[in-house]
Amino acid sequence: MTRSVRRTRRMPQLAGAGAAALMALSACSSSSKSSDSSATTSDGSKSSPKLSGTVTVFAAASLKESFTSLGQEFGKQHPGTKVTFNFGGSDTLAASITGGAPADVFAAASPKTMAIVTDKKDTATPPVTFVRNQLEIATLPGDPGKVSSLKDLTKSGLKVVLCDKTVPCGAAAQKALQASGLRLTPVSYEQDVKSALNKVELKEADAAVVYKTDVRAAGDKVQGVEFPESAEAINDYPIALLKNAPNAEAAKAFIALVRSAEGQKALSRAGFLKP
């Protein structure tokens, strides 16, 4: 009888302890779920901080069409953001950045011009090559100057325009000419590839050595002439987040878009080569 009473008295104590343990476990579980839900979206994917503000991108002139398109796409994907661009010769842009011009991203047309910025430790991330580009000769529609090779550019009386030697497209053109053993004196050296192409479009020159992407972007305003020596002077295009980027998080997202499958597809359509 005594043993029975003792057992009966212990039962409520055990039940109370079990209930307390269950309540504690339930509280833990509830807390964990609450924590998880704050880190995930309704579809179960990880949430990301909302981006806003302006992303300022300094980019090589040859990227104008494709980057403008990607900037618009970025704005659609991230409402409340805007991408503004400063297009020009990579050397000039690099000098502006090292001189203190406010920018978030730098996309150059050659590792050499990117090095101007990295040497000053003005990048926040290591530059990454995202595309490559190849030279092509742009002539007037119908090719009245009868240009079918790089050597034809040396013909007497032909007005040829080149990019300045300090600009990536100009450096590449010089490399191709050297590989061919050719010497060429242009009627002018231009500060960026768009300026060189414009001389042909305005019929101020018979031909210009530019990038394939620029010939494609010009449509029927010019005619393209490929030449094998261009394979000796293909330019890598690096991109990097800048050290004092005013909008670093949004800038990282724009770089991610450029390097994504979607971004690479857009760049390929423009005529750029894969990195």
Protein backbone atom coordinates (compact mmCIF):
# COMPACT_ATOMS: atom_id res chain seq x y z
CA MET A 1 0.00 0.00 0.00
CA THR A 2 2.79 2.37 0.88
CA ARG A 3 4.58 1.72 -2.41
CA SER A 4 1.39 2.41 -4.36
CA VAL A 5 0.93 5.77 -2.65
CA ARG A 6 4.50 6.79 -3.39
CA ARG A 7 4.14 5.93 -7.07
CA THR A 8 0.94 7.95 -7.27
CA ARG A 9 2.61 10.98 -5.74
CA ARG A 10 5.52 10.85 -8.22
CA MET A 11 3.32 10.71 -11.32
CA PRO A 12 2.20 14.38 -11.29
CA GLN A 13 5.81 15.49 -10.74
CA LEU A 14 6.99 13.55 -13.77
CA ALA A 15 4.11 14.82 -15.86
CA GLY A 16 4.90 18.40 -14.85
CA ALA A 17 8.59 18.02 -15.79
CA GLY A 18 7.68 16.51 -19.16
CA ALA A 19 5.29 19.33 -19.92
CA ALA A 20 7.93 21.90 -19.07
CA ALA A 21 10.43 20.19 -21.36
CA LEU A 22 7.90 20.09 -24.19
CA MET A 23 7.11 23.78 -23.72
CA ALA A 24 10.80 24.68 -23.81
CA LEU A 25 11.34 22.61 -26.96
CA SER A 26 8.29 24.21 -28.57
CA ALA A 27 9.57 27.68 -27.71
CA CYS A 28 12.97 26.86 -29.24
CA SER A 29 11.33 25.55 -32.37
CA SER A 30 9.10 28.62 -32.63
CA SER A 31 12.07 30.93 -32.14
CA SER A 32 14.05 29.06 -34.81
CA LYS A 33 11.20 29.30 -37.31
CA SER A 34 10.78 32.99 -36.60
CA SER A 35 14.50 33.53 -37.18
CA ASP A 36 14.44 31.50 -40.40
CA SER A 37 11.43 33.35 -41.79
CA SER A 38 13.18 36.67 -41.40
CA ALA A 39 16.04 35.36 -43.57
CA THR A 40 13.90 33.85 -46.30
CA THR A 41 11.24 35.03 -48.72
CA SER A 42 7.72 33.58 -49.08
CA ASP A 43 8.90 31.11 -51.71
CA GLY A 44 11.62 29.77 -49.40
CA SER A 45 14.55 31.47 -51.13
CA LYS A 46 17.06 33.57 -49.22
CA SER A 47 16.10 37.24 -49.06
CA SER A 48 18.50 40.01 -50.12
CA PRO A 49 18.70 43.64 -49.03
CA LYS A 50 16.70 46.02 -51.23
CA LEU A 51 18.93 48.07 -53.51
CA SER A 52 18.37 51.74 -54.22
CA GLY A 53 20.11 54.84 -55.52
CA THR A 54 22.36 55.53 -58.48
CA VAL A 55 25.22 53.36 -59.71
CA THR A 56 27.86 55.34 -61.60
CA VAL A 57 29.79 53.30 -64.16
CA PHE A 58 32.89 54.49 -66.03
CA ALA A 59 33.16 52.29 -69.13
CA ALA A 60 35.12 52.03 -72.36
CA ALA A 61 33.38 53.70 -75.32
CA SER A 62 32.99 50.37 -77.13
CA LEU A 63 30.66 49.19 -74.35
CA LYS A 64 28.15 52.00 -74.89
CA GLU A 65 25.33 50.09 -76.58
CA SER A 66 25.52 46.86 -74.58
CA PHE A 67 26.04 48.52 -71.18
CA THR A 68 23.24 51.02 -71.79
CA SER A 69 20.93 48.06 -72.43
CA LEU A 70 22.16 46.24 -69.31
CA GLY A 71 21.70 49.41 -67.26
CA GLN A 72 18.05 49.56 -68.28
CA GLU A 73 17.62 45.89 -67.41
CA PHE A 74 19.22 46.48 -64.01
CA GLY A 75 16.70 49.23 -63.29
CA LYS A 76 13.84 46.86 -64.12
CA GLN A 77 15.23 44.15 -61.86
CA HIS A 78 15.85 46.60 -59.00
CA PRO A 79 13.13 49.28 -58.87
CA GLY A 80 14.46 52.39 -57.17
CA THR A 81 17.89 52.11 -58.75
CA LYS A 82 19.40 53.87 -61.75
CA VAL A 83 22.64 53.28 -63.64
CA THR A 84 24.43 56.28 -65.11
CA PHE A 85 27.39 55.96 -67.45
CA ASN A 86 30.49 57.87 -68.41
CA PHE A 87 31.75 56.38 -71.68
CA GLY A 88 35.10 57.31 -73.18
CA GLY A 89 38.68 56.30 -73.81
CA SER A 90 39.81 53.89 -71.08
CA ASP A 91 42.97 55.88 -70.39
CA THR A 92 41.04 59.11 -69.88
CA LEU A 93 38.52 57.39 -67.61
CA ALA A 94 41.30 55.79 -65.57
CA ALA A 95 42.96 59.18 -65.10
CA SER A 96 39.65 60.66 -63.91
CA ILE A 97 39.20 57.87 -61.37
CA THR A 98 42.70 58.22 -59.94
CA GLY A 99 42.10 61.96 -59.88
CA GLY A 100 39.18 61.50 -57.52
CA ALA A 101 36.15 61.41 -59.81
CA PRO A 102 33.25 59.73 -57.94
CA ALA A 103 32.34 56.38 -59.51
CA ASP A 104 31.25 52.91 -58.44
CA VAL A 105 32.46 50.68 -61.28
CA PHE A 106 35.22 50.79 -63.88
CA ALA A 107 35.05 48.65 -67.04
CA ALA A 108 38.16 49.08 -69.18
CA ALA A 109 39.01 47.91 -72.68
CA SER A 110 42.40 46.51 -71.65
CA PRO A 111 44.26 45.25 -68.56
CA LYS A 112 46.88 47.97 -69.16
CA THR A 113 44.40 50.79 -68.63
CA MET A 114 42.82 49.01 -65.66
CA ALA A 115 46.32 48.82 -64.15
CA ILE A 116 46.41 52.63 -64.01
CA VAL A 117 43.66 52.37 -61.40
CA THR A 118 44.84 49.25 -59.57
CA ASP A 119 48.38 50.61 -59.28
CA LYS A 120 46.92 53.52 -57.30
CA LYS A 121 45.00 51.02 -55.15
CA ASP A 122 41.71 52.60 -56.22
CA THR A 123 39.82 49.32 -56.69
CA ALA A 124 37.95 47.49 -53.93
CA THR A 125 37.97 44.12 -55.70
CA PRO A 126 40.45 42.46 -58.07
CA PRO A 127 39.59 43.18 -61.75
CA VAL A 128 37.92 40.31 -63.58
CA THR A 129 37.88 39.85 -67.37
CA PHE A 130 34.24 39.72 -68.49
CA VAL A 131 34.53 39.88 -72.31
CA ARG A 132 37.08 40.18 -75.12
CA ASN A 133 36.99 42.21 -78.33
CA GLN A 134 38.58 41.97 -81.77
CA LEU A 135 39.48 44.61 -84.33
CA GLU A 136 37.81 45.15 -87.68
CA ILE A 137 38.16 47.74 -90.44
CA ALA A 138 35.18 50.04 -90.90
CA THR A 139 34.76 51.47 -94.41
CA LEU A 140 32.07 53.50 -96.16
CA PRO A 141 29.09 51.48 -97.42
CA GLY A 142 29.96 49.89 -100.74
CA ASP A 143 33.66 50.17 -99.85
CA PRO A 144 34.60 52.82 -102.46
CA GLY A 145 38.21 52.72 -101.26
CA LYS A 146 38.44 49.02 -102.20
CA VAL A 147 39.74 47.92 -98.80
CA SER A 148 39.92 44.15 -98.44
CA SER A 149 42.94 43.80 -96.13
CA LEU A 150 45.01 45.62 -93.53
CA LYS A 151 47.66 46.24 -96.18
CA ASP A 152 45.13 48.12 -98.33
CA LEU A 153 45.00 50.81 -95.65
CA THR A 154 48.49 51.90 -96.68
CA LYS A 155 47.37 52.77 -100.22
CA SER A 156 48.23 56.29 -101.35
CA GLY A 157 45.38 58.80 -101.09
CA LEU A 158 43.29 56.68 -98.72
CA LYS A 159 42.13 58.59 -95.63
CA VAL A 160 42.50 56.31 -92.62
CA VAL A 161 41.71 57.06 -88.98
CA LEU A 162 43.13 55.24 -85.97
CA CYS A 163 42.50 55.46 -82.24
CA ASP A 164 45.24 57.18 -80.29
CA LYS A 165 48.07 54.83 -79.31
CA THR A 166 47.30 55.35 -75.61
CA VAL A 167 43.74 54.04 -76.09
CA PRO A 168 43.24 50.23 -76.11
CA CYS A 169 41.84 50.14 -79.67
CA GLY A 170 44.81 52.22 -80.85
CA ALA A 171 47.34 50.04 -79.04
CA ALA A 172 45.71 46.95 -80.55
CA ALA A 173 45.82 48.48 -84.05
CA GLN A 174 49.54 49.21 -83.66
CA LYS A 175 50.13 45.64 -82.54
CA ALA A 176 48.30 44.28 -85.60
CA LEU A 177 50.26 46.58 -87.93
CA GLN A 178 53.54 45.51 -86.36
CA ALA A 179 52.58 41.84 -86.73
CA SER A 180 52.06 42.54 -90.45
CA GLY A 181 55.23 44.57 -90.85
CA LEU A 182 53.15 47.53 -92.05
CA ARG A 183 53.59 51.25 -91.44
CA LEU A 184 50.59 53.53 -91.58
CA THR A 185 50.23 57.28 -91.12
CA PRO A 186 46.58 58.10 -90.42
CA VAL A 187 44.93 61.44 -91.16
CA SER A 188 44.06 61.62 -87.44
CA TYR A 189 44.34 59.83 -84.12
CA GLU A 190 41.10 59.82 -82.13
CA GLN A 191 40.65 59.71 -78.35
CA ASP A 192 38.20 56.81 -78.37
CA VAL A 193 36.85 54.19 -80.76
CA LYS A 194 33.48 55.91 -81.28
CA SER A 195 35.22 59.07 -82.44
CA ALA A 196 37.26 57.07 -84.95
CA LEU A 197 34.15 55.36 -86.27
CA ASN A 198 32.31 58.67 -86.47
CA LYS A 199 34.90 60.00 -88.93
CA VAL A 200 33.89 57.26 -91.37
CA GLU A 201 30.17 57.72 -90.74
CA LEU A 202 30.54 61.44 -91.54
CA LYS A 203 32.58 60.57 -94.67
CA GLU A 204 35.56 62.47 -93.29
CA ALA A 205 37.62 59.29 -93.64
CA ASP A 206 37.60 56.30 -95.98
CA ALA A 207 38.34 53.76 -93.28
CA ALA A 208 39.05 53.33 -89.58
CA VAL A 209 40.40 50.48 -87.47
CA VAL A 210 37.83 49.91 -84.73
CA TYR A 211 36.24 46.96 -82.92
CA LYS A 212 33.86 44.43 -84.43
CA THR A 213 31.29 45.50 -81.86
CA ASP A 214 31.39 49.09 -83.12
CA VAL A 215 30.93 48.03 -86.73
CA ARG A 216 27.92 45.94 -85.70
CA ALA A 217 26.43 48.78 -83.64
CA ALA A 218 26.74 51.20 -86.58
CA GLY A 219 24.47 49.06 -88.73
CA ASP A 220 24.33 50.08 -92.38
CA LYS A 221 26.24 53.32 -91.76
CA VAL A 222 29.52 51.49 -92.34
CA GLN A 223 30.81 48.25 -93.83
CA GLY A 224 33.07 45.87 -91.96
CA VAL A 225 36.23 44.27 -93.31
CA GLU A 226 37.80 41.47 -91.28
CA PHE A 227 41.55 40.89 -91.37
CA PRO A 228 43.51 37.91 -89.99
CA GLU A 229 46.08 40.04 -88.19
CA SER A 230 43.37 41.09 -85.73
CA ALA A 231 43.80 37.71 -84.03
CA GLU A 232 47.18 38.98 -82.83
CA ALA A 233 45.60 41.88 -80.96
CA ILE A 234 42.48 40.72 -79.12
CA ASN A 235 41.72 42.86 -76.06
CA ASP A 236 40.57 41.54 -72.68
CA TYR A 237 38.03 43.76 -70.90
CA PRO A 238 38.34 43.83 -67.08
CA ILE A 239 35.71 45.18 -64.65
CA ALA A 240 36.11 46.11 -60.97
CA LEU A 241 34.34 47.71 -58.03
CA LEU A 242 36.06 50.96 -57.06
CA LYS A 243 37.45 51.60 -53.59
CA ASN A 244 35.39 54.66 -52.70
CA ALA A 245 32.22 53.53 -54.47
CA PRO A 246 29.30 55.70 -53.22
CA ASN A 247 26.83 52.84 -53.80
CA ALA A 248 28.92 49.70 -53.34
CA GLU A 249 26.11 47.17 -52.80
CA ALA A 250 24.20 48.17 -55.92
CA ALA A 251 27.48 48.36 -57.84
CA LYS A 252 28.28 44.76 -56.90
CA ALA A 253 24.86 43.73 -58.18
CA PHE A 254 25.46 45.50 -61.51
CA ILE A 255 28.81 43.72 -61.93
CA ALA A 256 27.04 40.45 -61.13
CA LEU A 257 24.51 41.18 -63.90
CA VAL A 258 27.30 41.89 -66.40
CA ARG A 259 28.96 38.58 -65.55
CA SER A 260 25.74 36.57 -65.39
CA ALA A 261 24.47 34.32 -68.19
CA GLU A 262 21.94 37.03 -69.08
CA GLY A 263 24.64 39.70 -69.24
CA GLN A 264 27.00 37.53 -71.26
CA LYS A 265 24.23 36.77 -73.73
CA ALA A 266 23.61 40.48 -74.29
CA LEU A 267 27.33 41.14 -74.76
CA SER A 268 27.65 38.24 -77.20
CA ARG A 269 24.79 39.67 -79.27
CA ALA A 270 26.76 42.91 -79.46
CA GLY A 271 29.71 41.01 -80.95
CA PHE A 272 31.93 40.60 -77.91
CA LEU A 273 33.88 37.39 -77.42
CA LYS A 274 33.65 35.23 -74.31
CA PRO A 275 36.34 35.82 -71.66
